Amino acid sequence: MSKHEFFVDMTCEGCSGAVTRVLNKLEVKFDIDLPNKKVFIESDRPADVLLETLKKTGKTVTYIGAK
């Protein structure tokens, strides 16, 4: 499994809740670092699929890279 790091422009618990909801649908392991606006995802799915899923939150999302 690969670990991916994303920047997601989250400002509150509601934002991280939106991220949690979309990622739970993919059934992947993830950690949200709200103060640093980062999301770490462990998955076999391609990074572009994860990026498009995170964009469904309506937040600005940037792929930082593999960990």
N, C-alpha and C. Protein backbone atom coordinates (compact mmCIF):
# COMPACT_ATOMS: atom_id res chain seq x y z
N MET A 1 0.83 -1.19 0.00
CA MET A 1 0.00 0.00 0.00
C MET A 1 0.87 1.25 0.00
N SER A 2 0.42 2.25 -0.72
CA SER A 2 1.16 3.50 -0.78
C SER A 2 0.56 4.52 0.16
N LYS A 3 1.43 5.40 0.67
CA LYS A 3 0.96 6.52 1.49
C LYS A 3 1.07 7.78 0.67
N HIS A 4 0.00 8.57 0.67
CA HIS A 4 -0.03 9.81 -0.09
C HIS A 4 -0.33 10.97 0.85
N GLU A 5 0.25 12.12 0.54
CA GLU A 5 0.04 13.32 1.34
C GLU A 5 -0.63 14.39 0.48
N PHE A 6 -1.68 14.99 1.02
CA PHE A 6 -2.43 16.02 0.32
C PHE A 6 -2.56 17.25 1.20
N PHE A 7 -2.57 18.42 0.56
CA PHE A 7 -2.93 19.66 1.24
C PHE A 7 -4.41 19.87 0.94
N VAL A 8 -5.22 20.08 2.00
CA VAL A 8 -6.64 20.36 1.84
C VAL A 8 -6.94 21.61 2.65
N ASP A 9 -7.52 22.61 2.01
CA ASP A 9 -7.77 23.89 2.68
C ASP A 9 -8.93 23.78 3.67
N MET A 10 -8.66 23.15 4.82
CA MET A 10 -9.65 22.95 5.87
C MET A 10 -9.45 24.00 6.95
N THR A 11 -10.56 24.57 7.44
CA THR A 11 -10.45 25.60 8.47
C THR A 11 -11.13 25.21 9.78
N CYS A 12 -11.93 24.12 9.76
CA CYS A 12 -12.67 23.78 10.98
C CYS A 12 -13.00 22.28 11.01
N GLU A 13 -13.64 21.86 12.10
CA GLU A 13 -14.05 20.46 12.24
C GLU A 13 -15.03 20.05 11.15
N GLY A 14 -15.87 21.00 10.72
CA GLY A 14 -16.82 20.69 9.64
C GLY A 14 -16.10 20.32 8.36
N CYS A 15 -15.00 21.02 8.08
CA CYS A 15 -14.19 20.73 6.89
C CYS A 15 -13.59 19.33 6.99
N SER A 16 -13.02 19.02 8.13
CA SER A 16 -12.40 17.70 8.29
C SER A 16 -13.48 16.62 8.27
N GLY A 17 -14.67 16.96 8.73
CA GLY A 17 -15.79 16.01 8.67
C GLY A 17 -16.17 15.69 7.24
N ALA A 18 -16.14 16.70 6.37
CA ALA A 18 -16.44 16.48 4.95
C ALA A 18 -15.39 15.55 4.33
N VAL A 19 -14.13 15.77 4.68
CA VAL A 19 -13.05 14.92 4.18
C VAL A 19 -13.25 13.48 4.68
N THR A 20 -13.59 13.34 5.95
CA THR A 20 -13.83 12.02 6.52
C THR A 20 -14.95 11.30 5.78
N ARG A 21 -16.04 12.00 5.50
CA ARG A 21 -17.18 11.38 4.80
C ARG A 21 -16.81 10.86 3.42
N VAL A 22 -16.10 11.66 2.62
CA VAL A 22 -15.77 11.21 1.26
C VAL A 22 -14.75 10.07 1.28
N LEU A 23 -13.80 10.11 2.23
CA LEU A 23 -12.78 9.06 2.28
C LEU A 23 -13.34 7.76 2.84
N ASN A 24 -14.30 7.83 3.76
CA ASN A 24 -14.92 6.62 4.29
C ASN A 24 -15.62 5.82 3.19
N LYS A 25 -16.12 6.51 2.17
CA LYS A 25 -16.78 5.83 1.05
C LYS A 25 -15.78 5.01 0.24
N LEU A 26 -14.51 5.42 0.24
CA LEU A 26 -13.47 4.68 -0.49
C LEU A 26 -12.92 3.52 0.32
N GLU A 27 -13.21 3.51 1.61
CA GLU A 27 -12.69 2.48 2.53
C GLU A 27 -11.16 2.43 2.49
N VAL A 28 -10.55 3.58 2.75
CA VAL A 28 -9.08 3.68 2.82
C VAL A 28 -8.69 4.10 4.24
N LYS A 29 -7.43 3.87 4.60
CA LYS A 29 -6.91 4.35 5.89
C LYS A 29 -6.44 5.78 5.68
N PHE A 30 -6.77 6.65 6.63
CA PHE A 30 -6.33 8.04 6.48
C PHE A 30 -6.19 8.72 7.84
N ASP A 31 -5.39 9.78 7.85
CA ASP A 31 -5.21 10.64 9.01
C ASP A 31 -5.39 12.07 8.55
N ILE A 32 -6.08 12.86 9.37
CA ILE A 32 -6.28 14.27 9.06
C ILE A 32 -5.50 15.11 10.07
N ASP A 33 -4.66 16.00 9.55
CA ASP A 33 -3.89 16.94 10.37
C ASP A 33 -4.51 18.32 10.13
N LEU A 34 -5.56 18.64 10.89
CA LEU A 34 -6.31 19.88 10.68
C LEU A 34 -5.46 21.14 10.86
N PRO A 35 -4.64 21.26 11.92
CA PRO A 35 -3.85 22.49 12.09
C PRO A 35 -2.93 22.78 10.90
N ASN A 36 -2.37 21.73 10.29
CA ASN A 36 -1.46 21.91 9.15
C ASN A 36 -2.16 21.73 7.81
N LYS A 37 -3.47 21.49 7.85
CA LYS A 37 -4.29 21.33 6.63
C LYS A 37 -3.77 20.22 5.73
N LYS A 38 -3.42 19.09 6.33
CA LYS A 38 -2.90 17.97 5.55
C LYS A 38 -3.74 16.72 5.78
N VAL A 39 -3.81 15.90 4.74
CA VAL A 39 -4.49 14.61 4.82
C VAL A 39 -3.52 13.56 4.32
N PHE A 40 -3.33 12.51 5.11
CA PHE A 40 -2.46 11.40 4.74
C PHE A 40 -3.34 10.18 4.47
N ILE A 41 -3.19 9.60 3.27
CA ILE A 41 -4.04 8.48 2.88
C ILE A 41 -3.17 7.28 2.54
N GLU A 42 -3.55 6.12 3.09
CA GLU A 42 -2.85 4.87 2.78
C GLU A 42 -3.80 4.05 1.91
N SER A 43 -3.39 3.82 0.66
CA SER A 43 -4.29 3.16 -0.28
C SER A 43 -3.53 2.60 -1.47
N ASP A 44 -4.13 1.61 -2.14
CA ASP A 44 -3.58 1.09 -3.39
C ASP A 44 -4.15 1.83 -4.59
N ARG A 45 -5.09 2.73 -4.34
CA ARG A 45 -5.70 3.48 -5.44
C ARG A 45 -4.72 4.53 -5.97
N PRO A 46 -4.85 4.87 -7.26
CA PRO A 46 -3.96 5.90 -7.82
C PRO A 46 -4.19 7.25 -7.15
N ALA A 47 -3.14 8.06 -7.09
CA ALA A 47 -3.22 9.37 -6.44
C ALA A 47 -4.28 10.26 -7.09
N ASP A 48 -4.45 10.16 -8.41
CA ASP A 48 -5.44 11.02 -9.07
C ASP A 48 -6.87 10.68 -8.65
N VAL A 49 -7.14 9.42 -8.35
CA VAL A 49 -8.47 9.01 -7.86
C VAL A 49 -8.69 9.61 -6.47
N LEU A 50 -7.68 9.55 -5.63
CA LEU A 50 -7.78 10.12 -4.28
C LEU A 50 -7.96 11.63 -4.36
N LEU A 51 -7.24 12.28 -5.26
CA LEU A 51 -7.33 13.72 -5.44
C LEU A 51 -8.74 14.13 -5.86
N GLU A 52 -9.31 13.42 -6.84
CA GLU A 52 -10.66 13.74 -7.31
C GLU A 52 -11.69 13.51 -6.20
N THR A 53 -11.48 12.48 -5.39
CA THR A 53 -12.39 12.21 -4.28
C THR A 53 -12.33 13.35 -3.27
N LEU A 54 -11.13 13.81 -2.93
CA LEU A 54 -10.99 14.92 -1.98
C LEU A 54 -11.60 16.21 -2.53
N LYS A 55 -11.55 16.41 -3.83
CA LYS A 55 -12.10 17.62 -4.44
C LYS A 55 -13.62 17.66 -4.30
N LYS A 56 -14.26 16.51 -4.09
CA LYS A 56 -15.72 16.47 -3.91
C LYS A 56 -16.16 17.23 -2.66
N THR A 57 -15.22 17.52 -1.76
CA THR A 57 -15.54 18.29 -0.56
C THR A 57 -15.76 19.77 -0.89
N GLY A 58 -15.33 20.20 -2.07
CA GLY A 58 -15.44 21.61 -2.44
C GLY A 58 -14.27 22.44 -1.95
N LYS A 59 -13.32 21.79 -1.30
CA LYS A 59 -12.13 22.49 -0.79
C LYS A 59 -11.03 22.51 -1.85
N THR A 60 -10.09 23.44 -1.68
CA THR A 60 -8.90 23.47 -2.53
C THR A 60 -8.01 22.32 -2.09
N VAL A 61 -7.64 21.47 -3.05
CA VAL A 61 -6.83 20.28 -2.74
C VAL A 61 -5.60 20.26 -3.63
N THR A 62 -4.44 19.96 -3.02
CA THR A 62 -3.20 19.83 -3.76
C THR A 62 -2.52 18.53 -3.36
N TYR A 63 -2.05 17.78 -4.36
CA TYR A 63 -1.31 16.55 -4.07
C TYR A 63 0.14 16.94 -3.76
N ILE A 64 0.59 16.59 -2.56
CA ILE A 64 1.97 16.91 -2.16
C ILE A 64 2.92 15.84 -2.65
N GLY A 65 2.53 14.58 -2.46
CA GLY A 65 3.38 13.50 -2.95
C GLY A 65 3.25 12.23 -2.14
N ALA A 66 3.98 11.21 -2.58
CA ALA A 66 3.98 9.93 -1.89
C ALA A 66 4.89 10.02 -0.66
N LYS A 67 4.56 9.27 0.36
CA LYS A 67 5.35 9.28 1.59
C LYS A 67 6.20 8.04 1.64
